[in-house]
Amino acid sequence: MIRLDIDLSYLTKNFQIGTQRVNEYSTKSIDEIMEAEAAQGNTQAASFQEDVLNDPKELVKLFKLQSARNRYAILSNMNSQDLEYLVQFLEPGDLLMGLMFFTKEKILNLIYDLPKDKICSILFNAFSPEQFLKMIPEKEINKFFDSDKLDKNQILDYVKTLPEDKLNKMMQKYMYQETGKTQDDLHMSKEQVVKFMDQLEPEKFKTALKCFEREEKMGLILELTQKDPKLFTEFSKNALTMPLTQLDKGEIVKNMNKLEPEDLMKMVNELPDDILAVVVTQIDPMVFAELLSKNFQDILAEIGIGNI
């Protein structure tokens, strides 16, 4: 039996069941009390199902569903499937609060399992693109240039904006990687470098890009992603989640507010049942009453009077 702090005056006023008789029914559920009363000729009790159990407003009054304690008492008697069903009726803010029951490590793992575009929504809610690029290792920046989705013409347009000394430094590093010989006296004009790069086969072109200094590589990435923000998904998940590890748990959760409710629900449903029941307790009392009336008549039949 689920024992609740029930409004006893409601029983007295609407069903003419006095305190003494209520005490006699201490081992029975409300449903059983009404059956017993109806058998004794109590006509109001005979219509309990229709007048109360099928009327959400009356359920809120009788079972004091405005009380979080009463809602939790009911929810803690539900199984995993029922609790997960009810999660969809929570507000996004309630779902975010539910995430706080996870450890920081678990939250980061849940984020890692999201598609990259959704990880980006969290990342760039917390950090600017410039901050992100400064926070990741250079090897992750280099991996970005392995993508086949980068526009070569846009890249060469950016290269044309760089000073010749930066271009020659890149060329010296590139030639050393290709030949194993230093060419400190190498000097090419901007036009020569651009033409040289334009004629490189795709893999060699990627190698050349990686030979720029970090500052130039970051500038190129910012230029490309400004024109096509989806290119941020070309970074690895490790890179995209790395900056989030520097935030505390509350800051991470706060920056997850742009996720779809369905994503948050899926995460919250991984909580243990006893904790999930606490989270679902935030459900709106009237919504809860409507759901109990429509889908959980078996639960309502188990409710009895507590602390008689």
C-alpha atoms as a PDB file:
ATOM      1  CA  MET A   1       0.000   0.000   0.000  1.00  0.00           C
ATOM      2  CA  ILE A   2       1.117   3.565  -0.743  1.00  0.00           C
ATOM      3  CA  ARG A   3       0.416   5.673   2.332  1.00  0.00           C
ATOM      4  CA  LEU A   4      -0.115   9.396   1.765  1.00  0.00           C
ATOM      5  CA  ASP A   5      -0.907  12.430   3.870  1.00  0.00           C
ATOM      6  CA  ILE A   6      -4.480  12.587   2.577  1.00  0.00           C
ATOM      7  CA  ASP A   7      -6.983  15.405   3.109  1.00  0.00           C
ATOM      8  CA  LEU A   8      -9.250  13.691   5.663  1.00  0.00           C
ATOM      9  CA  SER A   9     -11.661  16.627   5.648  1.00  0.00           C
ATOM     10  CA  TYR A  10     -12.257  15.848   1.967  1.00  0.00           C
ATOM     11  CA  LEU A  11     -13.531  12.383   2.921  1.00  0.00           C
ATOM     12  CA  THR A  12     -15.742  13.791   5.668  1.00  0.00           C
ATOM     13  CA  LYS A  13     -17.181  16.581   3.548  1.00  0.00           C
ATOM     14  CA  ASN A  14     -17.746  14.689   0.309  1.00  0.00           C
ATOM     15  CA  PHE A  15     -18.381  11.130   1.485  1.00  0.00           C
ATOM     16  CA  GLN A  16     -19.696  11.507   5.033  1.00  0.00           C
ATOM     17  CA  ILE A  17     -16.981   9.275   6.446  1.00  0.00           C
ATOM     18  CA  GLY A  18     -16.215  10.397   9.993  1.00  0.00           C
ATOM     19  CA  THR A  19     -12.866  10.242  11.746  1.00  0.00           C
ATOM     20  CA  GLN A  20     -13.864   7.194  13.813  1.00  0.00           C
ATOM     21  CA  ARG A  21     -14.770   5.187  10.719  1.00  0.00           C
ATOM     22  CA  VAL A  22     -11.592   6.346   8.987  1.00  0.00           C
ATOM     23  CA  ASN A  23      -9.624   4.915  11.918  1.00  0.00           C
ATOM     24  CA  GLU A  24     -11.422   1.612  11.483  1.00  0.00           C
ATOM     25  CA  TYR A  25     -10.274   1.534   7.860  1.00  0.00           C
ATOM     26  CA  SER A  26      -6.586   2.061   8.708  1.00  0.00           C
ATOM     27  CA  THR A  27      -5.473  -1.123   6.929  1.00  0.00           C
ATOM     28  CA  LYS A  28      -7.445  -0.437   3.754  1.00  0.00           C
ATOM     29  CA  SER A  29      -6.681   1.609   0.675  1.00  0.00           C
ATOM     30  CA  ILE A  30      -8.953   4.525  -0.234  1.00  0.00           C
ATOM     31  CA  ASP A  31     -10.365   2.389  -3.032  1.00  0.00           C
ATOM     32  CA  GLU A  32     -11.190  -0.407  -0.573  1.00  0.00           C
ATOM     33  CA  ILE A  33     -12.717   2.086   1.872  1.00  0.00           C
ATOM     34  CA  MET A  34     -15.058   3.349  -0.819  1.00  0.00           C
ATOM     35  CA  GLU A  35     -16.047  -0.196  -1.775  1.00  0.00           C
ATOM     36  CA  ALA A  36     -16.859  -0.961   1.852  1.00  0.00           C
ATOM     37  CA  GLU A  37     -18.829   2.267   2.239  1.00  0.00           C
ATOM     38  CA  ALA A  38     -20.742   1.669  -0.977  1.00  0.00           C
ATOM     39  CA  ALA A  39     -21.655  -1.827   0.254  1.00  0.00           C
ATOM     40  CA  GLN A  40     -23.155  -0.188   3.332  1.00  0.00           C
ATOM     41  CA  GLY A  41     -25.346   2.079   1.226  1.00  0.00           C
ATOM     42  CA  ASN A  42     -23.127   5.168   1.003  1.00  0.00           C
ATOM     43  CA  THR A  43     -24.250   6.518  -2.378  1.00  0.00           C
ATOM     44  CA  GLN A  44     -21.491   9.142  -2.548  1.00  0.00           C
ATOM     45  CA  ALA A  45     -18.878   6.411  -2.073  1.00  0.00           C
ATOM     46  CA  ALA A  46     -20.469   4.413  -4.887  1.00  0.00           C
ATOM     47  CA  SER A  47     -19.599   7.195  -7.330  1.00  0.00           C
ATOM     48  CA  PHE A  48     -15.990   7.606  -6.066  1.00  0.00           C
ATOM     49  CA  GLN A  49     -14.504   6.218  -9.268  1.00  0.00           C
ATOM     50  CA  GLU A  50     -16.380   8.640 -11.485  1.00  0.00           C
ATOM     51  CA  ASP A  51     -16.325  11.680  -9.196  1.00  0.00           C
ATOM     52  CA  VAL A  52     -12.721  11.477  -7.982  1.00  0.00           C
ATOM     53  CA  LEU A  53     -10.477   8.892  -9.653  1.00  0.00           C
ATOM     54  CA  ASN A  54     -11.529  10.055 -13.107  1.00  0.00           C
ATOM     55  CA  ASP A  55     -11.325  13.762 -12.220  1.00  0.00           C
ATOM     56  CA  PRO A  56      -7.744  15.122 -12.022  1.00  0.00           C
ATOM     57  CA  LYS A  57      -8.795  18.253 -10.114  1.00  0.00           C
ATOM     58  CA  GLU A  58     -10.364  16.139  -7.380  1.00  0.00           C
ATOM     59  CA  LEU A  59      -7.331  13.846  -7.279  1.00  0.00           C
ATOM     60  CA  VAL A  60      -5.108  16.850  -6.585  1.00  0.00           C
ATOM     61  CA  LYS A  61      -7.327  17.814  -3.650  1.00  0.00           C
ATOM     62  CA  LEU A  62      -7.818  14.374  -2.061  1.00  0.00           C
ATOM     63  CA  PHE A  63      -4.254  13.129  -2.438  1.00  0.00           C
ATOM     64  CA  LYS A  64      -2.656  16.556  -1.854  1.00  0.00           C
ATOM     65  CA  LEU A  65      -0.642  16.268  -5.049  1.00  0.00           C
ATOM     66  CA  GLN A  66       0.622  19.823  -4.571  1.00  0.00           C
ATOM     67  CA  SER A  67       2.881  18.193  -1.986  1.00  0.00           C
ATOM     68  CA  ALA A  68       6.195  17.026  -3.465  1.00  0.00           C
ATOM     69  CA  ARG A  69       6.362  14.493  -0.641  1.00  0.00           C
ATOM     70  CA  ASN A  70       3.086  12.901  -1.743  1.00  0.00           C
ATOM     71  CA  ARG A  71       4.113  12.898  -5.393  1.00  0.00           C
ATOM     72  CA  TYR A  72       7.375  11.194  -4.481  1.00  0.00           C
ATOM     73  CA  ALA A  73       5.571   8.593  -2.361  1.00  0.00           C
ATOM     74  CA  ILE A  74       3.549   7.599  -5.418  1.00  0.00           C
ATOM     75  CA  LEU A  75       6.457   7.762  -7.876  1.00  0.00           C
ATOM     76  CA  SER A  76       8.750   5.685  -5.667  1.00  0.00           C
ATOM     77  CA  ASN A  77       6.303   2.806  -6.092  1.00  0.00           C
ATOM     78  CA  MET A  78       6.460   2.914  -9.886  1.00  0.00           C
ATOM     79  CA  ASN A  79       8.698   0.704 -12.026  1.00  0.00           C
ATOM     80  CA  SER A  80      11.426   1.852 -14.433  1.00  0.00           C
ATOM     81  CA  GLN A  81       9.169   1.792 -17.467  1.00  0.00           C
ATOM     82  CA  ASP A  82       6.531   3.973 -15.813  1.00  0.00           C
ATOM     83  CA  LEU A  83       9.079   6.486 -14.537  1.00  0.00           C
ATOM     84  CA  GLU A  84      10.726   6.759 -17.950  1.00  0.00           C
ATOM     85  CA  TYR A  85       7.303   7.343 -19.490  1.00  0.00           C
ATOM     86  CA  LEU A  86       6.662  10.242 -17.106  1.00  0.00           C
ATOM     87  CA  VAL A  87      10.010  11.926 -17.804  1.00  0.00           C
ATOM     88  CA  GLN A  88       8.647  13.304 -21.090  1.00  0.00           C
ATOM     89  CA  PHE A  89       6.223  15.500 -19.131  1.00  0.00           C
ATOM     90  CA  LEU A  90       8.968  17.398 -17.300  1.00  0.00           C
ATOM     91  CA  GLU A  91      10.084  20.889 -18.288  1.00  0.00           C
ATOM     92  CA  PRO A  92      13.580  21.266 -19.840  1.00  0.00           C
ATOM     93  CA  GLY A  93      14.774  23.022 -16.688  1.00  0.00           C
ATOM     94  CA  ASP A  94      13.665  20.044 -14.610  1.00  0.00           C
ATOM     95  CA  LEU A  95      15.562  17.692 -16.905  1.00  0.00           C
ATOM     96  CA  LEU A  96      18.711  19.799 -16.578  1.00  0.00           C
ATOM     97  CA  MET A  97      18.355  19.672 -12.808  1.00  0.00           C
ATOM     98  CA  GLY A  98      18.115  15.903 -13.073  1.00  0.00           C
ATOM     99  CA  LEU A  99      21.506  15.785 -14.781  1.00  0.00           C
ATOM    100  CA  MET A 100      23.057  17.180 -11.601  1.00  0.00           C
ATOM    101  CA  PHE A 101      22.568  13.765  -9.982  1.00  0.00           C
ATOM    102  CA  PHE A 102      25.229  12.359 -12.320  1.00  0.00           C
ATOM    103  CA  THR A 103      28.953  12.705 -11.686  1.00  0.00           C
ATOM    104  CA  LYS A 104      30.903  15.131 -13.868  1.00  0.00           C
ATOM    105  CA  GLU A 105      32.613  12.165 -15.524  1.00  0.00           C
ATOM    106  CA  LYS A 106      29.271  10.562 -16.414  1.00  0.00           C
ATOM    107  CA  ILE A 107      27.931  13.826 -17.844  1.00  0.00           C
ATOM    108  CA  LEU A 108      31.017  14.168 -20.051  1.00  0.00           C
ATOM    109  CA  ASN A 109      30.522  10.590 -21.253  1.00  0.00           C
ATOM    110  CA  LEU A 110      26.868  11.329 -22.066  1.00  0.00           C
ATOM    111  CA  ILE A 111      27.939  14.398 -24.040  1.00  0.00           C
ATOM    112  CA  TYR A 112      30.604  12.385 -25.871  1.00  0.00           C
ATOM    113  CA  ASP A 113      27.899   9.985 -27.068  1.00  0.00           C
ATOM    114  CA  LEU A 114      25.959  12.824 -28.732  1.00  0.00           C
ATOM    115  CA  PRO A 115      26.326  13.639 -32.445  1.00  0.00           C
ATOM    116  CA  LYS A 116      29.082  16.185 -33.058  1.00  0.00           C
ATOM    117  CA  ASP A 117      26.712  19.006 -33.993  1.00  0.00           C
ATOM    118  CA  LYS A 118      25.036  18.717 -30.596  1.00  0.00           C
ATOM    119  CA  ILE A 119      28.380  18.612 -28.812  1.00  0.00           C
ATOM    120  CA  CYS A 120      29.184  21.849 -30.660  1.00  0.00           C
ATOM    121  CA  SER A 121      25.985  23.452 -29.346  1.00  0.00           C
ATOM    122  CA  ILE A 122      27.235  22.846 -25.804  1.00  0.00           C
ATOM    123  CA  LEU A 123      30.853  23.758 -26.533  1.00  0.00           C
ATOM    124  CA  PHE A 124      30.080  27.087 -28.189  1.00  0.00           C
ATOM    125  CA  ASN A 125      27.527  27.950 -25.554  1.00  0.00           C
ATOM    126  CA  ALA A 126      30.451  27.939 -23.124  1.00  0.00           C
ATOM    127  CA  PHE A 127      33.395  29.065 -25.261  1.00  0.00           C
ATOM    128  CA  SER A 128      34.074  31.182 -28.334  1.00  0.00           C
ATOM    129  CA  PRO A 129      35.661  29.503 -31.376  1.00  0.00           C
ATOM    130  CA  GLU A 130      38.905  31.360 -30.610  1.00  0.00           C
ATOM    131  CA  GLN A 131      38.943  30.068 -27.031  1.00  0.00           C
ATOM    132  CA  PHE A 132      38.246  26.542 -28.237  1.00  0.00           C
ATOM    133  CA  LEU A 133      41.166  26.560 -30.672  1.00  0.00           C
ATOM    134  CA  LYS A 134      43.534  27.852 -27.990  1.00  0.00           C
ATOM    135  CA  MET A 135      42.471  25.102 -25.567  1.00  0.00           C
ATOM    136  CA  ILE A 136      43.107  22.047 -27.732  1.00  0.00           C
ATOM    137  CA  PRO A 137      46.455  20.420 -28.606  1.00  0.00           C
ATOM    138  CA  GLU A 138      48.025  21.280 -31.948  1.00  0.00           C
ATOM    139  CA  LYS A 139      47.720  17.652 -33.053  1.00  0.00           C
ATOM    140  CA  GLU A 140      43.920  18.078 -32.926  1.00  0.00           C
ATOM    141  CA  ILE A 141      44.201  21.204 -35.052  1.00  0.00           C
ATOM    142  CA  ASN A 142      46.277  19.260 -37.568  1.00  0.00           C
ATOM    143  CA  LYS A 143      43.673  16.478 -37.694  1.00  0.00           C
ATOM    144  CA  PHE A 144      41.148  19.074 -38.848  1.00  0.00           C
ATOM    145  CA  PHE A 145      43.126  19.519 -42.064  1.00  0.00           C
ATOM    146  CA  ASP A 146      42.737  15.825 -42.881  1.00  0.00           C
ATOM    147  CA  SER A 147      39.110  16.567 -43.745  1.00  0.00           C
ATOM    148  CA  ASP A 148      38.048  16.281 -47.374  1.00  0.00           C
ATOM    149  CA  LYS A 149      35.300  18.857 -46.822  1.00  0.00           C
ATOM    150  CA  LEU A 150      37.578  21.898 -46.818  1.00  0.00           C
ATOM    151  CA  ASP A 151      37.318  24.257 -49.790  1.00  0.00           C
ATOM    152  CA  LYS A 152      40.730  24.519 -51.469  1.00  0.00           C
ATOM    153  CA  ASN A 153      39.929  27.846 -53.109  1.00  0.00           C
ATOM    154  CA  GLN A 154      38.908  29.384 -49.792  1.00  0.00           C
ATOM    155  CA  ILE A 155      42.129  28.094 -48.246  1.00  0.00           C
ATOM    156  CA  LEU A 156      44.259  29.594 -51.006  1.00  0.00           C
ATOM    157  CA  ASP A 157      42.408  32.908 -50.649  1.00  0.00           C
ATOM    158  CA  TYR A 158      43.433  32.915 -46.989  1.00  0.00           C
ATOM    159  CA  VAL A 159      47.029  31.977 -47.843  1.00  0.00           C
ATOM    160  CA  LYS A 160      47.191  35.032 -50.121  1.00  0.00           C
ATOM    161  CA  THR A 161      46.562  37.271 -47.092  1.00  0.00           C
ATOM    162  CA  LEU A 162      49.598  35.989 -45.164  1.00  0.00           C
ATOM    163  CA  PRO A 163      52.975  37.777 -45.091  1.00  0.00           C
ATOM    164  CA  GLU A 164      55.727  36.258 -47.240  1.00  0.00           C
ATOM    165  CA  ASP A 165      57.894  35.463 -44.210  1.00  0.00           C
ATOM    166  CA  LYS A 166      55.094  33.273 -42.800  1.00  0.00           C
ATOM    167  CA  LEU A 167      54.690  31.556 -46.153  1.00  0.00           C
ATOM    168  CA  ASN A 168      58.399  30.890 -46.515  1.00  0.00           C
ATOM    169  CA  LYS A 169      58.617  29.520 -43.002  1.00  0.00           C
ATOM    170  CA  MET A 170      55.862  27.064 -43.927  1.00  0.00           C
ATOM    171  CA  MET A 171      57.638  26.154 -47.167  1.00  0.00           C
ATOM    172  CA  GLN A 172      60.941  25.520 -45.378  1.00  0.00           C
ATOM    173  CA  LYS A 173      59.237  23.170 -42.938  1.00  0.00           C
ATOM    174  CA  TYR A 174      57.337  21.440 -45.739  1.00  0.00           C
ATOM    175  CA  MET A 175      60.432  20.927 -47.881  1.00  0.00           C
ATOM    176  CA  TYR A 176      62.363  19.561 -44.899  1.00  0.00           C
ATOM    177  CA  GLN A 177      59.581  17.025 -44.251  1.00  0.00           C
ATOM    178  CA  GLU A 178      59.579  16.021 -47.906  1.00  0.00           C
ATOM    179  CA  THR A 179      63.341  15.916 -48.559  1.00  0.00           C
ATOM    180  CA  GLY A 180      64.924  15.655 -45.117  1.00  0.00           C
ATOM    181  CA  LYS A 181      67.123  18.631 -45.961  1.00  0.00           C
ATOM    182  CA  THR A 182      67.005  22.112 -44.467  1.00  0.00           C
ATOM    183  CA  GLN A 183      66.518  24.971 -46.915  1.00  0.00           C
ATOM    184  CA  ASP A 184      67.041  28.056 -44.784  1.00  0.00           C
ATOM    185  CA  ASP A 185      67.889  30.124 -47.846  1.00  0.00           C
ATOM    186  CA  LEU A 186      64.575  29.288 -49.516  1.00  0.00           C
ATOM    187  CA  HIS A 187      62.704  32.412 -50.518  1.00  0.00           C
ATOM    188  CA  MET A 188      59.573  32.434 -52.630  1.00  0.00           C
ATOM    189  CA  SER A 189      57.161  35.194 -53.483  1.00  0.00           C
ATOM    190  CA  LYS A 190      53.581  34.996 -52.312  1.00  0.00           C
ATOM    191  CA  GLU A 191      52.450  34.193 -55.850  1.00  0.00           C
ATOM    192  CA  GLN A 192      54.981  31.368 -56.120  1.00  0.00           C
ATOM    193  CA  VAL A 193      53.840  29.796 -52.833  1.00  0.00           C
ATOM    194  CA  VAL A 194      50.171  29.971 -53.804  1.00  0.00           C
ATOM    195  CA  LYS A 195      50.908  28.435 -57.215  1.00  0.00           C
ATOM    196  CA  PHE A 196      53.047  25.720 -55.619  1.00  0.00           C
ATOM    197  CA  MET A 197      50.317  24.799 -53.147  1.00  0.00           C
ATOM    198  CA  ASP A 198      47.633  24.867 -55.815  1.00  0.00           C
ATOM    199  CA  GLN A 199      49.522  22.214 -57.801  1.00  0.00           C
ATOM    200  CA  LEU A 200      49.993  19.834 -54.865  1.00  0.00           C
ATOM    201  CA  GLU A 201      48.051  16.582 -54.797  1.00  0.00           C
ATOM    202  CA  PRO A 202      45.402  16.453 -52.006  1.00  0.00           C
ATOM    203  CA  GLU A 203      47.468  14.612 -49.377  1.00  0.00           C
ATOM    204  CA  LYS A 204      50.521  16.804 -49.976  1.00  0.00           C
ATOM    205  CA  PHE A 205      48.276  19.878 -49.777  1.00  0.00           C
ATOM    206  CA  LYS A 206      47.081  18.748 -46.335  1.00  0.00           C
ATOM    207  CA  THR A 207      50.686  18.219 -45.251  1.00  0.00           C
ATOM    208  CA  ALA A 208      51.570  21.746 -46.352  1.00  0.00           C
ATOM    209  CA  LEU A 209      48.719  23.217 -44.314  1.00  0.00           C
ATOM    210  CA  LYS A 210      49.987  21.435 -41.214  1.00  0.00           C
ATOM    211  CA  CYS A 211      53.382  23.075 -41.729  1.00  0.00           C
ATOM    212  CA  PHE A 212      52.003  26.531 -40.972  1.00  0.00           C
ATOM    213  CA  GLU A 213      52.524  27.902 -37.464  1.00  0.00           C
ATOM    214  CA  ARG A 214      49.689  27.384 -35.001  1.00  0.00           C
ATOM    215  CA  GLU A 215      48.605  31.024 -35.259  1.00  0.00           C
ATOM    216  CA  GLU A 216      48.141  30.793 -39.033  1.00  0.00           C
ATOM    217  CA  LYS A 217      46.356  27.452 -38.759  1.00  0.00           C
ATOM    218  CA  MET A 218      43.951  28.885 -36.198  1.00  0.00           C
ATOM    219  CA  GLY A 219      43.302  31.899 -38.403  1.00  0.00           C
ATOM    220  CA  LEU A 220      42.565  29.630 -41.361  1.00  0.00           C
ATOM    221  CA  ILE A 221      40.161  27.502 -39.345  1.00  0.00           C
ATOM    222  CA  LEU A 222      38.322  30.579 -38.077  1.00  0.00           C
ATOM    223  CA  GLU A 223      38.052  31.864 -41.646  1.00  0.00           C
ATOM    224  CA  LEU A 224      36.661  28.564 -42.954  1.00  0.00           C
ATOM    225  CA  THR A 225      34.252  27.972 -40.068  1.00  0.00           C
ATOM    226  CA  GLN A 226      32.933  31.511 -40.217  1.00  0.00           C
ATOM    227  CA  LYS A 227      31.747  30.731 -43.737  1.00  0.00           C
ATOM    228  CA  ASP A 228      30.581  27.225 -42.820  1.00  0.00           C
ATOM    229  CA  PRO A 229      30.099  26.602 -39.052  1.00  0.00           C
ATOM    230  CA  LYS A 230      29.315  22.935 -39.749  1.00  0.00           C
ATOM    231  CA  LEU A 231      33.016  22.415 -40.397  1.00  0.00           C
ATOM    232  CA  PHE A 232      33.569  22.359 -36.633  1.00  0.00           C
ATOM    233  CA  THR A 233      32.192  18.817 -36.760  1.00  0.00           C
ATOM    234  CA  GLU A 234      35.355  17.855 -38.638  1.00  0.00           C
ATOM    235  CA  PHE A 235      37.164  18.030 -35.307  1.00  0.00           C
ATOM    236  CA  SER A 236      37.327  14.813 -33.306  1.00  0.00           C
ATOM    237  CA  LYS A 237      34.953  14.256 -30.405  1.00  0.00           C
ATOM    238  CA  ASN A 238      37.977  14.280 -28.118  1.00  0.00           C
ATOM    239  CA  ALA A 239      38.826  17.790 -29.285  1.00  0.00           C
ATOM    240  CA  LEU A 240      35.240  19.039 -29.012  1.00  0.00           C
ATOM    241  CA  THR A 241      34.776  17.764 -25.462  1.00  0.00           C
ATOM    242  CA  MET A 242      38.262  18.614 -24.163  1.00  0.00           C
ATOM    243  CA  PRO A 243      37.483  22.235 -23.135  1.00  0.00           C
ATOM    244  CA  LEU A 244      34.368  21.106 -21.251  1.00  0.00           C
ATOM    245  CA  THR A 245      36.539  19.120 -18.847  1.00  0.00           C
ATOM    246  CA  GLN A 246      37.812  22.434 -17.479  1.00  0.00           C
ATOM    247  CA  LEU A 247      34.321  23.453 -16.331  1.00  0.00           C
ATOM    248  CA  ASP A 248      32.701  22.323 -13.108  1.00  0.00           C
ATOM    249  CA  LYS A 249      29.641  20.088 -13.270  1.00  0.00           C
ATOM    250  CA  GLY A 250      27.135  22.898 -12.808  1.00  0.00           C
ATOM    251  CA  GLU A 251      28.652  24.978 -15.615  1.00  0.00           C
ATOM    252  CA  ILE A 252      28.610  22.003 -17.976  1.00  0.00           C
ATOM    253  CA  VAL A 253      24.930  21.323 -17.282  1.00  0.00           C
ATOM    254  CA  LYS A 254      24.038  25.017 -17.624  1.00  0.00           C
ATOM    255  CA  ASN A 255      25.550  25.039 -21.106  1.00  0.00           C
ATOM    256  CA  MET A 256      23.506  21.996 -22.158  1.00  0.00           C
ATOM    257  CA  ASN A 257      20.345  24.126 -22.289  1.00  0.00           C
ATOM    258  CA  LYS A 258      20.278  24.212 -26.099  1.00  0.00           C
ATOM    259  CA  LEU A 259      19.914  20.447 -26.397  1.00  0.00           C
ATOM    260  CA  GLU A 260      16.567  19.054 -27.503  1.00  0.00           C
ATOM    261  CA  PRO A 261      14.331  17.765 -24.671  1.00  0.00           C
ATOM    262  CA  GLU A 262      14.575  14.297 -26.246  1.00  0.00           C
ATOM    263  CA  ASP A 263      18.354  14.323 -25.733  1.00  0.00           C
ATOM    264  CA  LEU A 264      17.991  15.380 -22.103  1.00  0.00           C
ATOM    265  CA  MET A 265      15.281  12.774 -21.487  1.00  0.00           C
ATOM    266  CA  LYS A 266      17.481  10.002 -22.836  1.00  0.00           C
ATOM    267  CA  MET A 267      20.246  11.056 -20.456  1.00  0.00           C
ATOM    268  CA  VAL A 268      18.015  11.438 -17.393  1.00  0.00           C
ATOM    269  CA  ASN A 269      16.525   8.000 -17.991  1.00  0.00           C
ATOM    270  CA  GLU A 270      19.925   6.501 -17.193  1.00  0.00           C
ATOM    271  CA  LEU A 271      19.502   7.486 -13.536  1.00  0.00           C
ATOM    272  CA  PRO A 272      18.701   4.726 -11.000  1.00  0.00           C
ATOM    273  CA  ASP A 273      14.970   4.380 -10.278  1.00  0.00           C
ATOM    274  CA  ASP A 274      15.156   5.875  -6.784  1.00  0.00           C
ATOM    275  CA  ILE A 275      16.892   8.999  -8.122  1.00  0.00           C
ATOM    276  CA  LEU A 276      14.707   9.148 -11.228  1.00  0.00           C
ATOM    277  CA  ALA A 277      11.648   9.202  -8.957  1.00  0.00           C
ATOM    278  CA  VAL A 278      13.095  12.274  -7.217  1.00  0.00           C
ATOM    279  CA  VAL A 279      13.590  14.009 -10.573  1.00  0.00           C
ATOM    280  CA  VAL A 280      10.080  13.180 -11.801  1.00  0.00           C
ATOM    281  CA  THR A 281       8.677  14.609  -8.537  1.00  0.00           C
ATOM    282  CA  GLN A 282       9.121  18.012 -10.225  1.00  0.00           C
ATOM    283  CA  ILE A 283       6.219  17.192 -12.551  1.00  0.00           C
ATOM    284  CA  ASP A 284       3.317  19.648 -12.533  1.00  0.00           C
ATOM    285  CA  PRO A 285       0.687  18.393 -10.008  1.00  0.00           C
ATOM    286  CA  MET A 286      -2.227  18.756 -12.418  1.00  0.00           C
ATOM    287  CA  VAL A 287      -0.358  17.024 -15.228  1.00  0.00           C
ATOM    288  CA  PHE A 288       0.544  14.256 -12.786  1.00  0.00           C
ATOM    289  CA  ALA A 289      -3.093  13.908 -11.722  1.00  0.00           C
ATOM    290  CA  GLU A 290      -4.232  13.691 -15.346  1.00  0.00           C
ATOM    291  CA  LEU A 291      -1.696  10.959 -16.057  1.00  0.00           C
ATOM    292  CA  LEU A 292      -2.597   9.026 -12.910  1.00  0.00           C
ATOM    293  CA  SER A 293      -6.280   9.182 -13.814  1.00  0.00           C
ATOM    294  CA  LYS A 294      -5.712   8.147 -17.412  1.00  0.00           C
ATOM    295  CA  ASN A 295      -2.930   5.575 -17.160  1.00  0.00           C
ATOM    296  CA  PHE A 296      -2.354   4.542 -13.555  1.00  0.00           C
ATOM    297  CA  GLN A 297      -5.669   3.521 -12.013  1.00  0.00           C
ATOM    298  CA  ASP A 298      -3.867   0.488 -10.568  1.00  0.00           C
ATOM    299  CA  ILE A 299      -1.529   2.806  -8.647  1.00  0.00           C
ATOM    300  CA  LEU A 300      -4.442   4.903  -7.393  1.00  0.00           C
ATOM    301  CA  ALA A 301      -6.112   1.734  -6.085  1.00  0.00           C
ATOM    302  CA  GLU A 302      -3.085   1.140  -3.823  1.00  0.00           C
ATOM    303  CA  ILE A 303      -3.179   4.508  -2.063  1.00  0.00           C
ATOM    304  CA  GLY A 304      -4.071   4.460   1.616  1.00  0.00           C
ATOM    305  CA  ILE A 305      -4.153   6.936   4.480  1.00  0.00           C
ATOM    306  CA  GLY A 306      -0.863   7.535   6.236  1.00  0.00           C
ATOM    307  CA  ASN A 307      -0.303   8.496   9.886  1.00  0.00           C
ATOM    308  CA  ILE A 308      -3.834   7.788  11.128  1.00  0.00           C
END
